Amino acid sequence: MLIIGTKIEGAITLVLTILWVTTVAIVTDSSHGIAVDEFGAVENGNLYYFSWAGFVTSVTLLVSYLQHVFGLDVAAEMRTRSARLVTWSALLASSLVVMGSSANYYDTGCGGDDEVGKCRRAVFGIVLGALTTLGSVGVVALKIATSKAPFLLEAAGSFVIVVLYGFGVVTLTSQQGPGAALGNLYYFTWASFLVSFLLLTSCFEDYNAAATADAVNTNTNTSEEHANNAAPNHVIQEDLEGRN
């Protein structure tokens, strides 16, 4: 209780986050061969999964500290800043891992004969991760700077990314792909596909909501026009009845 909510706690959580980021980067790097082999496949499951668990926990602690001490709710701020900002940020992070994991596989596993085309698929993973990272950065930057991004840009972009990552799942995580074994490339290729699908679904829901609202407004305006057009006849009829 002596350090809860103090600068000491903030310093500890920040240092822990930095340490766990470094730990994940080292133990999941195939060139070091600590938790994964030279192809990025998990060899030491406990070290691999608990390193990621430590990273997630440290980030959660840091976010909780910021919210408790400074009243800064990062997730809520991102949600209220603009629709789908959190989802685009998640796609940005997962695409970075796809790009980095593909590049790591190419550096450590390629250079000789490419019998099954895994190196060519690794190059595809690098290109896929780089393109989706750049696209996500652009959308996130627009949302942060202007609180919104053009809806058609989001919808079209998310559709293209879903198609690309659908092809990426087949290409990278199949038996002949560099991400066939369980590891960063496998998990984050699937994560990127699912996140991009959530983006497309959200855009579709927003489109349906806007179309429904337009239809309701149109029906309301039509009813009001009919009522206004019928009013004079009603007034004339009452006037005639009054004279009689």
C-alpha atoms as a PDB file:
ATOM      1  CA  MET A   1       0.000   0.000   0.000  1.00  0.00           C
ATOM      2  CA  LEU A   2       2.980   2.300   0.529  1.00  0.00           C
ATOM      3  CA  ILE A   3       3.808   2.539  -3.167  1.00  0.00           C
ATOM      4  CA  ILE A   4       0.340   2.131  -4.718  1.00  0.00           C
ATOM      5  CA  GLY A   5      -0.481   5.185  -6.787  1.00  0.00           C
ATOM      6  CA  THR A   6       2.946   6.761  -6.268  1.00  0.00           C
ATOM      7  CA  LYS A   7       5.712   7.628  -8.701  1.00  0.00           C
ATOM      8  CA  ILE A   8       7.606   4.597  -7.460  1.00  0.00           C
ATOM      9  CA  GLU A   9       4.842   2.310  -8.717  1.00  0.00           C
ATOM     10  CA  GLY A  10       4.805   4.176 -12.019  1.00  0.00           C
ATOM     11  CA  ALA A  11       8.565   3.753 -12.412  1.00  0.00           C
ATOM     12  CA  ILE A  12       8.352   0.038 -11.558  1.00  0.00           C
ATOM     13  CA  THR A  13       5.551  -0.639 -14.056  1.00  0.00           C
ATOM     14  CA  LEU A  14       7.364   1.312 -16.764  1.00  0.00           C
ATOM     15  CA  VAL A  15      10.622  -0.593 -16.170  1.00  0.00           C
ATOM     16  CA  LEU A  16       8.744  -3.920 -16.120  1.00  0.00           C
ATOM     17  CA  THR A  17       7.050  -3.082 -19.409  1.00  0.00           C
ATOM     18  CA  ILE A  18      10.375  -2.224 -21.042  1.00  0.00           C
ATOM     19  CA  LEU A  19      11.952  -5.418 -19.694  1.00  0.00           C
ATOM     20  CA  TRP A  20       9.115  -7.621 -20.897  1.00  0.00           C
ATOM     21  CA  VAL A  21       9.134  -5.986 -24.349  1.00  0.00           C
ATOM     22  CA  THR A  22      12.846  -6.748 -24.547  1.00  0.00           C
ATOM     23  CA  THR A  23      12.292 -10.288 -23.264  1.00  0.00           C
ATOM     24  CA  VAL A  24       9.605 -11.067 -25.850  1.00  0.00           C
ATOM     25  CA  ALA A  25      11.772  -9.642 -28.632  1.00  0.00           C
ATOM     26  CA  ILE A  26      14.720 -11.828 -27.591  1.00  0.00           C
ATOM     27  CA  VAL A  27      13.059 -15.149 -26.740  1.00  0.00           C
ATOM     28  CA  THR A  28      10.844 -15.144 -29.872  1.00  0.00           C
ATOM     29  CA  ASP A  29      13.728 -14.253 -32.192  1.00  0.00           C
ATOM     30  CA  SER A  30      14.702 -17.345 -34.169  1.00  0.00           C
ATOM     31  CA  SER A  31      18.288 -16.140 -34.480  1.00  0.00           C
ATOM     32  CA  HIS A  32      18.755 -16.616 -30.721  1.00  0.00           C
ATOM     33  CA  GLY A  33      17.086 -20.031 -30.553  1.00  0.00           C
ATOM     34  CA  ILE A  34      15.806 -19.560 -27.003  1.00  0.00           C
ATOM     35  CA  ALA A  35      12.051 -20.242 -27.147  1.00  0.00           C
ATOM     36  CA  VAL A  36      11.792 -20.917 -30.894  1.00  0.00           C
ATOM     37  CA  ASP A  37      13.910 -22.797 -33.404  1.00  0.00           C
ATOM     38  CA  GLU A  38      15.616 -21.350 -36.469  1.00  0.00           C
ATOM     39  CA  PHE A  39      12.316 -21.360 -38.380  1.00  0.00           C
ATOM     40  CA  GLY A  40      10.313 -19.586 -35.673  1.00  0.00           C
ATOM     41  CA  ALA A  41       8.516 -22.703 -34.399  1.00  0.00           C
ATOM     42  CA  VAL A  42       7.915 -22.862 -30.655  1.00  0.00           C
ATOM     43  CA  GLU A  43      10.396 -25.184 -28.938  1.00  0.00           C
ATOM     44  CA  ASN A  44      10.014 -24.106 -25.333  1.00  0.00           C
ATOM     45  CA  GLY A  45       6.303 -23.556 -24.830  1.00  0.00           C
ATOM     46  CA  ASN A  46       6.520 -22.380 -21.230  1.00  0.00           C
ATOM     47  CA  LEU A  47       9.101 -19.720 -22.030  1.00  0.00           C
ATOM     48  CA  TYR A  48       7.318 -18.599 -25.191  1.00  0.00           C
ATOM     49  CA  TYR A  49       3.776 -18.313 -23.833  1.00  0.00           C
ATOM     50  CA  PHE A  50       4.678 -16.978 -20.403  1.00  0.00           C
ATOM     51  CA  SER A  51       6.935 -14.332 -21.958  1.00  0.00           C
ATOM     52  CA  TRP A  52       3.946 -13.064 -23.915  1.00  0.00           C
ATOM     53  CA  ALA A  53       1.809 -13.346 -20.755  1.00  0.00           C
ATOM     54  CA  GLY A  54       4.336 -11.251 -18.829  1.00  0.00           C
ATOM     55  CA  PHE A  55       4.317  -8.637 -21.586  1.00  0.00           C
ATOM     56  CA  VAL A  56       0.519  -8.398 -21.605  1.00  0.00           C
ATOM     57  CA  THR A  57       0.397  -8.227 -17.797  1.00  0.00           C
ATOM     58  CA  SER A  58       3.014  -5.473 -17.605  1.00  0.00           C
ATOM     59  CA  VAL A  59       1.173  -3.385 -20.205  1.00  0.00           C
ATOM     60  CA  THR A  60      -2.075  -3.923 -18.300  1.00  0.00           C
ATOM     61  CA  LEU A  61      -0.408  -2.726 -15.087  1.00  0.00           C
ATOM     62  CA  LEU A  62       0.975   0.364 -16.818  1.00  0.00           C
ATOM     63  CA  VAL A  63      -2.418   1.248 -18.302  1.00  0.00           C
ATOM     64  CA  SER A  64      -4.083   0.689 -14.923  1.00  0.00           C
ATOM     65  CA  TYR A  65      -1.546   2.981 -13.239  1.00  0.00           C
ATOM     66  CA  LEU A  66      -2.135   5.757 -15.772  1.00  0.00           C
ATOM     67  CA  GLN A  67      -5.874   5.450 -15.287  1.00  0.00           C
ATOM     68  CA  HIS A  68      -5.667   5.409 -11.483  1.00  0.00           C
ATOM     69  CA  VAL A  69      -3.171   8.249 -11.009  1.00  0.00           C
ATOM     70  CA  PHE A  70      -3.798  10.561 -13.958  1.00  0.00           C
ATOM     71  CA  GLY A  71      -7.383   9.593 -14.790  1.00  0.00           C
ATOM     72  CA  LEU A  72      -6.187   8.673 -18.269  1.00  0.00           C
ATOM     73  CA  ASP A  73      -8.223   5.785 -19.647  1.00  0.00           C
ATOM     74  CA  VAL A  74      -6.249   4.997 -22.787  1.00  0.00           C
ATOM     75  CA  ALA A  75      -8.740   2.533 -24.231  1.00  0.00           C
ATOM     76  CA  ALA A  76     -11.726   4.806 -23.559  1.00  0.00           C
ATOM     77  CA  GLU A  77      -9.892   7.817 -24.982  1.00  0.00           C
ATOM     78  CA  MET A  78      -9.167   5.901 -28.171  1.00  0.00           C
ATOM     79  CA  ARG A  79     -12.763   4.708 -28.458  1.00  0.00           C
ATOM     80  CA  THR A  80     -14.224   8.175 -27.950  1.00  0.00           C
ATOM     81  CA  ARG A  81     -11.631   9.772 -30.217  1.00  0.00           C
ATOM     82  CA  SER A  82     -12.877   7.966 -33.282  1.00  0.00           C
ATOM     83  CA  ALA A  83     -14.715   4.809 -34.263  1.00  0.00           C
ATOM     84  CA  ARG A  84     -12.516   1.748 -34.870  1.00  0.00           C
ATOM     85  CA  LEU A  85      -9.335   3.545 -33.769  1.00  0.00           C
ATOM     86  CA  VAL A  86      -8.533   0.739 -31.307  1.00  0.00           C
ATOM     87  CA  THR A  87      -9.108  -1.907 -33.986  1.00  0.00           C
ATOM     88  CA  TRP A  88      -6.910  -0.133 -36.526  1.00  0.00           C
ATOM     89  CA  SER A  89      -4.211   0.207 -33.874  1.00  0.00           C
ATOM     90  CA  ALA A  90      -4.443  -3.535 -33.151  1.00  0.00           C
ATOM     91  CA  LEU A  91      -4.092  -4.267 -36.871  1.00  0.00           C
ATOM     92  CA  LEU A  92      -1.058  -1.984 -36.985  1.00  0.00           C
ATOM     93  CA  ALA A  93       0.614  -3.892 -34.146  1.00  0.00           C
ATOM     94  CA  SER A  94      -0.167  -7.352 -35.510  1.00  0.00           C
ATOM     95  CA  SER A  95       0.967  -6.380 -39.029  1.00  0.00           C
ATOM     96  CA  LEU A  96       4.290  -5.208 -37.614  1.00  0.00           C
ATOM     97  CA  VAL A  97       4.786  -8.634 -36.037  1.00  0.00           C
ATOM     98  CA  VAL A  98       3.883 -10.370 -39.315  1.00  0.00           C
ATOM     99  CA  MET A  99       6.400  -8.244 -41.186  1.00  0.00           C
ATOM    100  CA  GLY A 100       9.108  -8.736 -38.562  1.00  0.00           C
ATOM    101  CA  SER A 101       8.543 -12.484 -38.229  1.00  0.00           C
ATOM    102  CA  SER A 102       8.614 -12.977 -42.002  1.00  0.00           C
ATOM    103  CA  ALA A 103      11.816 -10.948 -42.254  1.00  0.00           C
ATOM    104  CA  ASN A 104      13.335 -12.938 -39.393  1.00  0.00           C
ATOM    105  CA  TYR A 105      12.475 -16.221 -41.111  1.00  0.00           C
ATOM    106  CA  TYR A 106      13.969 -14.991 -44.380  1.00  0.00           C
ATOM    107  CA  ASP A 107      17.183 -13.904 -42.682  1.00  0.00           C
ATOM    108  CA  THR A 108      17.696 -17.130 -40.774  1.00  0.00           C
ATOM    109  CA  GLY A 109      16.083 -19.790 -42.954  1.00  0.00           C
ATOM    110  CA  CYS A 110      16.805 -18.649 -46.491  1.00  0.00           C
ATOM    111  CA  GLY A 111      19.955 -18.401 -48.506  1.00  0.00           C
ATOM    112  CA  GLY A 112      20.112 -21.953 -49.834  1.00  0.00           C
ATOM    113  CA  ASP A 113      17.824 -23.974 -52.065  1.00  0.00           C
ATOM    114  CA  ASP A 114      14.196 -22.924 -51.992  1.00  0.00           C
ATOM    115  CA  GLU A 115      12.651 -26.347 -52.566  1.00  0.00           C
ATOM    116  CA  VAL A 116       9.103 -25.642 -51.445  1.00  0.00           C
ATOM    117  CA  GLY A 117       9.001 -21.898 -52.011  1.00  0.00           C
ATOM    118  CA  LYS A 118       8.979 -20.989 -48.311  1.00  0.00           C
ATOM    119  CA  CYS A 119      11.393 -18.128 -48.875  1.00  0.00           C
ATOM    120  CA  ARG A 120       9.209 -16.645 -51.597  1.00  0.00           C
ATOM    121  CA  ARG A 121       6.271 -16.903 -49.241  1.00  0.00           C
ATOM    122  CA  ALA A 122       8.342 -15.220 -46.537  1.00  0.00           C
ATOM    123  CA  VAL A 123       8.961 -12.337 -48.951  1.00  0.00           C
ATOM    124  CA  PHE A 124       5.204 -12.162 -49.499  1.00  0.00           C
ATOM    125  CA  GLY A 125       4.740 -11.989 -45.716  1.00  0.00           C
ATOM    126  CA  ILE A 126       7.212  -9.104 -45.518  1.00  0.00           C
ATOM    127  CA  VAL A 127       5.420  -7.209 -48.283  1.00  0.00           C
ATOM    128  CA  LEU A 128       1.987  -7.990 -46.818  1.00  0.00           C
ATOM    129  CA  GLY A 129       3.014  -6.835 -43.349  1.00  0.00           C
ATOM    130  CA  ALA A 130       4.675  -3.690 -44.684  1.00  0.00           C
ATOM    131  CA  LEU A 131       1.695  -2.669 -46.841  1.00  0.00           C
ATOM    132  CA  THR A 132      -0.894  -3.256 -44.130  1.00  0.00           C
ATOM    133  CA  THR A 133       1.310  -1.498 -41.573  1.00  0.00           C
ATOM    134  CA  LEU A 134       1.574   1.575 -43.801  1.00  0.00           C
ATOM    135  CA  GLY A 135      -2.162   1.535 -44.484  1.00  0.00           C
ATOM    136  CA  SER A 136      -2.966   1.199 -40.773  1.00  0.00           C
ATOM    137  CA  VAL A 137      -0.568   4.015 -39.902  1.00  0.00           C
ATOM    138  CA  GLY A 138      -2.304   6.257 -42.446  1.00  0.00           C
ATOM    139  CA  VAL A 139      -5.789   5.554 -41.093  1.00  0.00           C
ATOM    140  CA  VAL A 140      -4.691   5.877 -37.446  1.00  0.00           C
ATOM    141  CA  ALA A 141      -2.943   9.170 -38.225  1.00  0.00           C
ATOM    142  CA  LEU A 142      -6.095  10.513 -39.916  1.00  0.00           C
ATOM    143  CA  LYS A 143      -8.264   9.482 -36.981  1.00  0.00           C
ATOM    144  CA  ILE A 144      -5.921  11.046 -34.431  1.00  0.00           C
ATOM    145  CA  ALA A 145      -5.477  14.267 -36.404  1.00  0.00           C
ATOM    146  CA  THR A 146      -9.072  14.793 -37.555  1.00  0.00           C
ATOM    147  CA  SER A 147     -11.081  12.416 -35.292  1.00  0.00           C
ATOM    148  CA  LYS A 148     -12.307  10.594 -38.386  1.00  0.00           C
ATOM    149  CA  ALA A 149     -11.272   9.067 -41.673  1.00  0.00           C
ATOM    150  CA  PRO A 150     -13.260   8.923 -44.942  1.00  0.00           C
ATOM    151  CA  PHE A 151     -15.759   6.084 -44.587  1.00  0.00           C
ATOM    152  CA  LEU A 152     -15.238   4.834 -48.123  1.00  0.00           C
ATOM    153  CA  LEU A 153     -11.488   4.731 -47.497  1.00  0.00           C
ATOM    154  CA  GLU A 154     -11.994   2.659 -44.366  1.00  0.00           C
ATOM    155  CA  ALA A 155     -14.503   0.311 -45.962  1.00  0.00           C
ATOM    156  CA  ALA A 156     -12.495  -0.247 -49.138  1.00  0.00           C
ATOM    157  CA  GLY A 157      -9.235  -0.535 -47.207  1.00  0.00           C
ATOM    158  CA  SER A 158     -10.608  -3.066 -44.738  1.00  0.00           C
ATOM    159  CA  PHE A 159     -12.070  -5.138 -47.593  1.00  0.00           C
ATOM    160  CA  VAL A 160      -8.735  -5.213 -49.418  1.00  0.00           C
ATOM    161  CA  ILE A 161      -6.889  -6.099 -46.206  1.00  0.00           C
ATOM    162  CA  VAL A 162      -9.317  -8.942 -45.454  1.00  0.00           C
ATOM    163  CA  VAL A 163      -8.695 -10.375 -48.911  1.00  0.00           C
ATOM    164  CA  LEU A 164      -4.921  -9.969 -48.563  1.00  0.00           C
ATOM    165  CA  TYR A 165      -4.778 -11.592 -45.144  1.00  0.00           C
ATOM    166  CA  GLY A 166      -7.137 -14.341 -46.257  1.00  0.00           C
ATOM    167  CA  PHE A 167      -4.606 -15.137 -48.960  1.00  0.00           C
ATOM    168  CA  GLY A 168      -1.842 -14.616 -46.403  1.00  0.00           C
ATOM    169  CA  VAL A 169      -3.343 -17.212 -44.034  1.00  0.00           C
ATOM    170  CA  VAL A 170      -3.381 -19.760 -46.851  1.00  0.00           C
ATOM    171  CA  THR A 171       0.090 -18.829 -48.086  1.00  0.00           C
ATOM    172  CA  LEU A 172       1.958 -18.321 -44.825  1.00  0.00           C
ATOM    173  CA  THR A 173       0.367 -20.808 -42.431  1.00  0.00           C
ATOM    174  CA  SER A 174      -0.127 -23.768 -44.778  1.00  0.00           C
ATOM    175  CA  GLN A 175       2.163 -26.784 -44.572  1.00  0.00           C
ATOM    176  CA  GLN A 176       4.446 -25.279 -47.239  1.00  0.00           C
ATOM    177  CA  GLY A 177       4.473 -21.823 -45.642  1.00  0.00           C
ATOM    178  CA  PRO A 178       7.034 -20.270 -43.316  1.00  0.00           C
ATOM    179  CA  GLY A 179       4.397 -19.915 -40.602  1.00  0.00           C
ATOM    180  CA  ALA A 180       3.202 -23.516 -40.635  1.00  0.00           C
ATOM    181  CA  ALA A 181       4.662 -24.212 -37.196  1.00  0.00           C
ATOM    182  CA  LEU A 182       3.146 -22.538 -34.150  1.00  0.00           C
ATOM    183  CA  GLY A 183       4.943 -19.274 -33.542  1.00  0.00           C
ATOM    184  CA  ASN A 184       4.677 -15.514 -33.966  1.00  0.00           C
ATOM    185  CA  LEU A 185       4.087 -15.672 -37.720  1.00  0.00           C
ATOM    186  CA  TYR A 186       1.316 -18.244 -37.373  1.00  0.00           C
ATOM    187  CA  TYR A 187      -0.511 -16.540 -34.525  1.00  0.00           C
ATOM    188  CA  PHE A 188      -0.239 -12.972 -35.786  1.00  0.00           C
ATOM    189  CA  THR A 189      -1.165 -13.815 -39.372  1.00  0.00           C
ATOM    190  CA  TRP A 190      -4.399 -15.271 -38.062  1.00  0.00           C
ATOM    191  CA  ALA A 191      -4.808 -12.358 -35.625  1.00  0.00           C
ATOM    192  CA  SER A 192      -4.397  -9.836 -38.446  1.00  0.00           C
ATOM    193  CA  PHE A 193      -6.994 -11.651 -40.545  1.00  0.00           C
ATOM    194  CA  LEU A 194      -9.501 -11.699 -37.677  1.00  0.00           C
ATOM    195  CA  VAL A 195      -8.903  -8.027 -36.805  1.00  0.00           C
ATOM    196  CA  SER A 196      -9.307  -6.968 -40.439  1.00  0.00           C
ATOM    197  CA  PHE A 197     -12.539  -8.986 -40.595  1.00  0.00           C
ATOM    198  CA  LEU A 198     -13.786  -7.145 -37.490  1.00  0.00           C
ATOM    199  CA  LEU A 199     -12.981  -3.841 -39.227  1.00  0.00           C
ATOM    200  CA  LEU A 200     -14.973  -4.838 -42.304  1.00  0.00           C
ATOM    201  CA  THR A 201     -17.879  -6.011 -40.148  1.00  0.00           C
ATOM    202  CA  SER A 202     -17.899  -2.721 -38.222  1.00  0.00           C
ATOM    203  CA  CYS A 203     -17.915  -0.708 -41.453  1.00  0.00           C
ATOM    204  CA  PHE A 204     -20.813  -2.812 -42.754  1.00  0.00           C
ATOM    205  CA  GLU A 205     -22.776  -2.251 -39.532  1.00  0.00           C
ATOM    206  CA  ASP A 206     -22.189   1.508 -39.740  1.00  0.00           C
ATOM    207  CA  TYR A 207     -23.363   1.515 -43.356  1.00  0.00           C
ATOM    208  CA  ASN A 208     -26.549  -0.371 -42.446  1.00  0.00           C
ATOM    209  CA  ALA A 209     -27.211   1.988 -39.531  1.00  0.00           C
ATOM    210  CA  ALA A 210     -26.768   5.040 -41.768  1.00  0.00           C
ATOM    211  CA  ALA A 211     -29.011   3.538 -44.475  1.00  0.00           C
ATOM    212  CA  THR A 212     -31.706   2.751 -41.907  1.00  0.00           C
ATOM    213  CA  ALA A 213     -31.532   6.272 -40.489  1.00  0.00           C
ATOM    214  CA  ASP A 214     -31.841   7.774 -43.984  1.00  0.00           C
ATOM    215  CA  ALA A 215     -34.844   5.573 -44.711  1.00  0.00           C
ATOM    216  CA  VAL A 216     -36.548   6.634 -41.467  1.00  0.00           C
ATOM    217  CA  ASN A 217     -35.892  10.305 -42.195  1.00  0.00           C
ATOM    218  CA  THR A 218     -37.237   9.935 -45.729  1.00  0.00           C
ATOM    219  CA  ASN A 219     -40.432   8.268 -44.491  1.00  0.00           C
ATOM    220  CA  THR A 220     -40.884  10.957 -41.827  1.00  0.00           C
ATOM    221  CA  ASN A 221     -40.466  13.779 -44.358  1.00  0.00           C
ATOM    222  CA  THR A 222     -42.883  12.082 -46.773  1.00  0.00           C
ATOM    223  CA  SER A 223     -45.506  11.720 -44.041  1.00  0.00           C
ATOM    224  CA  GLU A 224     -45.132  15.372 -43.097  1.00  0.00           C
ATOM    225  CA  GLU A 225     -45.532  16.450 -46.729  1.00  0.00           C
ATOM    226  CA  HIS A 226     -48.689  14.377 -47.096  1.00  0.00           C
ATOM    227  CA  ALA A 227     -50.053  15.876 -43.905  1.00  0.00           C
ATOM    228  CA  ASN A 228     -49.316  19.415 -45.115  1.00  0.00           C
ATOM    229  CA  ASN A 229     -50.919  18.724 -48.479  1.00  0.00           C
ATOM    230  CA  ALA A 230     -54.037  17.326 -46.858  1.00  0.00           C
ATOM    231  CA  ALA A 231     -54.444  20.213 -44.437  1.00  0.00           C
ATOM    232  CA  PRO A 232     -55.998  22.765 -46.844  1.00  0.00           C
ATOM    233  CA  ASN A 233     -58.768  20.348 -47.922  1.00  0.00           C
ATOM    234  CA  HIS A 234     -59.528  19.635 -44.291  1.00  0.00           C
ATOM    235  CA  VAL A 235     -59.702  23.360 -43.520  1.00  0.00           C
ATOM    236  CA  ILE A 236     -61.990  24.007 -46.514  1.00  0.00           C
ATOM    237  CA  GLN A 237     -64.323  21.193 -45.459  1.00  0.00           C
ATOM    238  CA  GLU A 238     -64.583  22.554 -41.928  1.00  0.00           C
ATOM    239  CA  ASP A 239     -65.253  26.063 -43.298  1.00  0.00           C
ATOM    240  CA  LEU A 240     -68.071  24.792 -45.499  1.00  0.00           C
ATOM    241  CA  GLU A 241     -69.587  22.872 -42.636  1.00  0.00           C
ATOM    242  CA  GLY A 242     -69.426  25.992 -40.487  1.00  0.00           C
ATOM    243  CA  ARG A 243     -71.317  28.044 -43.084  1.00  0.00           C
ATOM    244  CA  ASN A 244     -74.032  25.444 -43.360  1.00  0.00           C
END
